[in-house]
C-alpha atoms as a PDB file:
ATOM      1  CA  MET A   1     127.950 105.151 108.201  1.00  0.00           C
ATOM      2  CA  SER A   2     124.518 104.634 106.687  1.00  0.00           C
ATOM      3  CA  LYS A   3     122.411 101.957 106.908  1.00  0.00           C
ATOM      4  CA  LYS A   4     121.585  99.233 104.152  1.00  0.00           C
ATOM      5  CA  PRO A   5     118.300  99.321 102.844  1.00  0.00           C
ATOM      6  CA  LYS A   6     116.767  95.982 103.979  1.00  0.00           C
ATOM      7  CA  LYS A   7     115.974  93.454 101.020  1.00  0.00           C
ATOM      8  CA  LYS A   8     112.390  92.012 100.619  1.00  0.00           C
ATOM      9  CA  VAL A   9     112.217  88.512 100.827  1.00  0.00           C
ATOM     10  CA  THR A  10     109.188  86.012 100.868  1.00  0.00           C
ATOM     11  CA  ALA A  11     108.845  82.654 101.907  1.00  0.00           C
ATOM     12  CA  VAL A  12     108.305  80.080  98.902  1.00  0.00           C
ATOM     13  CA  ARG A  13     108.009  76.993 100.678  1.00  0.00           C
ATOM     14  CA  GLU A  14     107.509  75.925 104.461  1.00  0.00           C
ATOM     15  CA  HIS A  15     108.450  72.497 105.832  1.00  0.00           C
ATOM     16  CA  PRO A  16     106.255  72.034 109.005  1.00  0.00           C
ATOM     17  CA  MET A  17     107.073  69.250 111.484  1.00  0.00           C
ATOM     18  CA  HIS A  18     104.514  67.980 114.032  1.00  0.00           C
ATOM     19  CA  VAL A  19     105.663  67.975 117.760  1.00  0.00           C
ATOM     20  CA  PRO A  20     104.060  67.595 120.627  1.00  0.00           C
ATOM     21  CA  ILE A  21     101.621  70.489 122.407  1.00  0.00           C
ATOM     22  CA  SER A  22     103.454  72.354 124.858  1.00  0.00           C
ATOM     23  CA  GLU A  23     102.961  75.842 126.291  1.00  0.00           C
ATOM     24  CA  LYS A  24     105.863  76.983 124.049  1.00  0.00           C
ATOM     25  CA  ASP A  25     104.391  75.651 120.841  1.00  0.00           C
ATOM     26  CA  PRO A  26     100.477  75.525 121.505  1.00  0.00           C
ATOM     27  CA  THR A  27      99.628  74.742 117.950  1.00  0.00           C
ATOM     28  CA  GLY A  28     101.902  71.384 117.732  1.00  0.00           C
ATOM     29  CA  ILE A  29     103.353  72.555 114.310  1.00  0.00           C
ATOM     30  CA  THR A  30     106.805  74.078 114.172  1.00  0.00           C
ATOM     31  CA  ILE A  31     108.454  75.107 110.537  1.00  0.00           C
ATOM     32  CA  LEU A  32     111.460  73.072 110.111  1.00  0.00           C
ATOM     33  CA  ASP A  33     112.787  74.769 107.243  1.00  0.00           C
ATOM     34  CA  ARG A  34     111.819  77.620 105.158  1.00  0.00           C
ATOM     35  CA  HIS A  35     112.617  78.418 101.526  1.00  0.00           C
ATOM     36  CA  LEU A  36     113.196  82.308 100.995  1.00  0.00           C
ATOM     37  CA  ARG A  37     113.258  84.375  97.665  1.00  0.00           C
ATOM     38  CA  ARG A  38     114.362  88.054  97.122  1.00  0.00           C
ATOM     39  CA  LEU A  39     111.910  90.439  95.428  1.00  0.00           C
ATOM     40  CA  ASN A  40     114.459  92.855  94.311  1.00  0.00           C
ATOM     41  CA  ASN A  41     113.893  94.205  90.914  1.00  0.00           C
ATOM     42  CA  ARG A  42     110.930  91.401  90.101  1.00  0.00           C
ATOM     43  CA  LYS A  43     108.457  92.137  87.805  1.00  0.00           C
ATOM     44  CA  ILE A  44     105.140  92.299  89.625  1.00  0.00           C
ATOM     45  CA  ALA A  45     101.901  90.659  87.847  1.00  0.00           C
ATOM     46  CA  LEU A  46      98.756  91.492  88.910  1.00  0.00           C
ATOM     47  CA  GLY A  47      95.311  89.604  88.632  1.00  0.00           C
ATOM     48  CA  ILE A  48      94.417  86.232  87.286  1.00  0.00           C
ATOM     49  CA  ALA A  49      95.583  86.923  83.775  1.00  0.00           C
ATOM     50  CA  GLN A  50      99.169  87.799  85.656  1.00  0.00           C
ATOM     51  CA  ILE A  51      99.537  91.160  83.740  1.00  0.00           C
ATOM     52  CA  THR A  52     102.556  93.271  84.261  1.00  0.00           C
ATOM     53  CA  LYS A  53     102.759  97.076  84.475  1.00  0.00           C
ATOM     54  CA  LYS A  54     104.525  96.969  81.004  1.00  0.00           C
ATOM     55  CA  THR A  55     101.830  94.941  79.284  1.00  0.00           C
ATOM     56  CA  LEU A  56      99.096  97.205  80.801  1.00  0.00           C
ATOM     57  CA  LYS A  57     100.367 100.172  79.020  1.00  0.00           C
ATOM     58  CA  ILE A  58     100.614  98.087  76.017  1.00  0.00           C
ATOM     59  CA  LEU A  59      96.921  97.227  76.354  1.00  0.00           C
ATOM     60  CA  LYS A  60      95.574 100.317  76.920  1.00  0.00           C
ATOM     61  CA  ASP A  61      97.407 102.041  73.912  1.00  0.00           C
ATOM     62  CA  THR A  62      94.370 102.502  71.678  1.00  0.00           C
ATOM     63  CA  ASN A  63      96.435 102.926  68.312  1.00  0.00           C
ATOM     64  CA  GLY A  64      98.904 100.021  69.488  1.00  0.00           C
ATOM     65  CA  GLU A  65      98.995  96.069  69.226  1.00  0.00           C
ATOM     66  CA  SER A  66      95.562  95.685  70.869  1.00  0.00           C
ATOM     67  CA  LYS A  67      93.683  98.089  69.050  1.00  0.00           C
ATOM     68  CA  ASP A  68      91.282  95.644  67.733  1.00  0.00           C
ATOM     69  CA  PHE A  69      90.235  94.526  71.421  1.00  0.00           C
ATOM     70  CA  ILE A  70      88.325  95.933  74.097  1.00  0.00           C
ATOM     71  CA  PHE A  71      91.160  96.956  76.865  1.00  0.00           C
ATOM     72  CA  LYS A  72      90.867 100.967  76.690  1.00  0.00           C
ATOM     73  CA  GLY A  73      88.711 101.100  79.765  1.00  0.00           C
ATOM     74  CA  ILE A  74      91.053  98.751  82.007  1.00  0.00           C
ATOM     75  CA  ARG A  75      92.741 100.211  85.253  1.00  0.00           C
ATOM     76  CA  GLN A  76      95.343  98.740  87.359  1.00  0.00           C
ATOM     77  CA  LYS A  77      92.749  98.744  90.056  1.00  0.00           C
ATOM     78  CA  ASP A  78      90.546  96.277  87.776  1.00  0.00           C
ATOM     79  CA  LEU A  79      93.440  94.067  87.720  1.00  0.00           C
ATOM     80  CA  LYS A  80      93.612  93.503  91.394  1.00  0.00           C
ATOM     81  CA  ASP A  81      89.613  93.332  91.950  1.00  0.00           C
ATOM     82  CA  PRO A  82      87.867  92.556  88.824  1.00  0.00           C
ATOM     83  CA  CYS A  83      84.371  92.151  90.720  1.00  0.00           C
ATOM     84  CA  ARG A  84      84.545  95.782  91.955  1.00  0.00           C
ATOM     85  CA  THR A  85      82.686  98.177  89.684  1.00  0.00           C
END
């Protein structure tokens, strides 16, 4: 029997609760409740403009919708860190 692939999840919201500081909990903060969201089949948007890979392909097309704009030199790396040259 093969193993099922693990589903990727992320914590969307955590509800911290202040408790007495102890050896078990030295910070004094315990997570009372955590809301999780699955990440399967989600479109991942990059950068401050939240551009998806599909949108990036449209922007890079010199004969397409954005032919009058200056997007031909844009790379996926540039979306993650726009300050890098």
